[in-house]
Amino acid sequence: MAPLSDAELDELETFLVSDATSDETMVLEVLDGYLTAIVVGPVTVMPSQWLARVWGPKEEDGTRRNL
């Protein structure tokens, strides 16, 4: 898989800070560090364990935001 282009990164950043996401959603720089830590960490972390933290809490269940 190829890295995201500058235009794709800009689009992602715009989405992450938009009204379509929670105020708790990670911004691009935080997301980059978070995913890097997951990849290089000593244990395998399943998406079900880390993905909810990317989007922030969802009002209905307090665990994640489904988009």
C-alpha atoms as a PDB file:
ATOM      1  CA  MET A   1       0.000   0.000   0.000  1.00  0.00           C
ATOM      2  CA  ALA A   2       1.361   3.415  -0.972  1.00  0.00           C
ATOM      3  CA  PRO A   3       1.606   6.282   1.519  1.00  0.00           C
ATOM      4  CA  LEU A   4      -1.102   8.918   1.359  1.00  0.00           C
ATOM      5  CA  SER A   5      -0.452  11.855  -0.949  1.00  0.00           C
ATOM      6  CA  ASP A   6      -0.318  15.402   0.409  1.00  0.00           C
ATOM      7  CA  ALA A   7      -3.813  15.994  -0.990  1.00  0.00           C
ATOM      8  CA  GLU A   8      -5.125  12.859   0.733  1.00  0.00           C
ATOM      9  CA  LEU A   9      -3.518  13.878   4.033  1.00  0.00           C
ATOM     10  CA  ASP A  10      -5.106  17.328   3.732  1.00  0.00           C
ATOM     11  CA  GLU A  11      -8.494  15.727   3.058  1.00  0.00           C
ATOM     12  CA  LEU A  12      -8.111  13.433   6.065  1.00  0.00           C
ATOM     13  CA  GLU A  13      -7.102  16.322   8.337  1.00  0.00           C
ATOM     14  CA  THR A  14     -10.085  18.367   7.125  1.00  0.00           C
ATOM     15  CA  PHE A  15     -12.406  15.464   7.926  1.00  0.00           C
ATOM     16  CA  LEU A  16     -10.879  14.810  11.350  1.00  0.00           C
ATOM     17  CA  VAL A  17     -11.460  18.399  12.473  1.00  0.00           C
ATOM     18  CA  SER A  18     -14.885  18.749  10.821  1.00  0.00           C
ATOM     19  CA  ASP A  19     -18.307  18.772  12.470  1.00  0.00           C
ATOM     20  CA  ALA A  20     -18.780  15.207  11.178  1.00  0.00           C
ATOM     21  CA  THR A  21     -16.554  13.944  13.995  1.00  0.00           C
ATOM     22  CA  SER A  22     -16.533  14.217  17.764  1.00  0.00           C
ATOM     23  CA  ASP A  23     -14.561  16.929  19.519  1.00  0.00           C
ATOM     24  CA  GLU A  24     -12.580  14.008  20.943  1.00  0.00           C
ATOM     25  CA  THR A  25     -11.472  12.725  17.511  1.00  0.00           C
ATOM     26  CA  MET A  26      -7.699  12.667  17.109  1.00  0.00           C
ATOM     27  CA  VAL A  27      -6.094  15.244  14.828  1.00  0.00           C
ATOM     28  CA  LEU A  28      -3.706  14.007  12.161  1.00  0.00           C
ATOM     29  CA  GLU A  29      -0.493  14.481  14.161  1.00  0.00           C
ATOM     30  CA  VAL A  30      -1.893  12.623  17.175  1.00  0.00           C
ATOM     31  CA  LEU A  31      -3.298   9.858  14.966  1.00  0.00           C
ATOM     32  CA  ASP A  32       0.098   9.426  13.309  1.00  0.00           C
ATOM     33  CA  GLY A  33       1.860   8.967  16.652  1.00  0.00           C
ATOM     34  CA  TYR A  34      -0.882   6.716  18.008  1.00  0.00           C
ATOM     35  CA  LEU A  35      -0.787   4.369  15.009  1.00  0.00           C
ATOM     36  CA  THR A  36       3.010   4.344  15.004  1.00  0.00           C
ATOM     37  CA  ALA A  37       3.022   3.263  18.658  1.00  0.00           C
ATOM     38  CA  ILE A  38       0.534   0.491  17.902  1.00  0.00           C
ATOM     39  CA  VAL A  39       2.614  -0.804  14.983  1.00  0.00           C
ATOM     40  CA  VAL A  40       5.997  -0.764  16.730  1.00  0.00           C
ATOM     41  CA  GLY A  41       4.771  -1.896  20.137  1.00  0.00           C
ATOM     42  CA  PRO A  42       5.836  -5.243  21.591  1.00  0.00           C
ATOM     43  CA  VAL A  43       2.324  -6.743  21.511  1.00  0.00           C
ATOM     44  CA  THR A  44      -0.308  -7.066  18.816  1.00  0.00           C
ATOM     45  CA  VAL A  45      -3.239  -4.752  19.437  1.00  0.00           C
ATOM     46  CA  MET A  46      -6.421  -5.613  17.584  1.00  0.00           C
ATOM     47  CA  PRO A  47      -8.394  -2.836  15.852  1.00  0.00           C
ATOM     48  CA  SER A  48     -11.313  -3.509  18.178  1.00  0.00           C
ATOM     49  CA  GLN A  49      -9.046  -2.401  21.028  1.00  0.00           C
ATOM     50  CA  TRP A  50      -7.670   0.815  19.525  1.00  0.00           C
ATOM     51  CA  LEU A  51     -10.051   2.089  16.848  1.00  0.00           C
ATOM     52  CA  ALA A  52     -12.648   3.526  19.229  1.00  0.00           C
ATOM     53  CA  ARG A  53     -10.007   5.826  20.737  1.00  0.00           C
ATOM     54  CA  VAL A  54      -9.379   7.396  17.327  1.00  0.00           C
ATOM     55  CA  TRP A  55     -12.939   8.696  16.999  1.00  0.00           C
ATOM     56  CA  GLY A  56     -13.567   9.626  20.618  1.00  0.00           C
ATOM     57  CA  PRO A  57     -16.614   8.733  22.674  1.00  0.00           C
ATOM     58  CA  LYS A  58     -20.042   8.357  21.157  1.00  0.00           C
ATOM     59  CA  GLU A  59     -22.826   9.988  23.166  1.00  0.00           C
ATOM     60  CA  GLU A  60     -25.173   7.012  22.895  1.00  0.00           C
ATOM     61  CA  ASP A  61     -22.826   4.431  24.390  1.00  0.00           C
ATOM     62  CA  GLY A  62     -19.787   6.309  25.656  1.00  0.00           C
ATOM     63  CA  THR A  63     -17.372   4.104  23.728  1.00  0.00           C
ATOM     64  CA  ARG A  64     -16.898   5.256  20.136  1.00  0.00           C
ATOM     65  CA  ARG A  65     -18.228   7.299  17.275  1.00  0.00           C
ATOM     66  CA  ASN A  66     -19.519   5.397  14.253  1.00  0.00           C
ATOM     67  CA  LEU A  67     -19.215   7.321  11.020  1.00  0.00           C
END
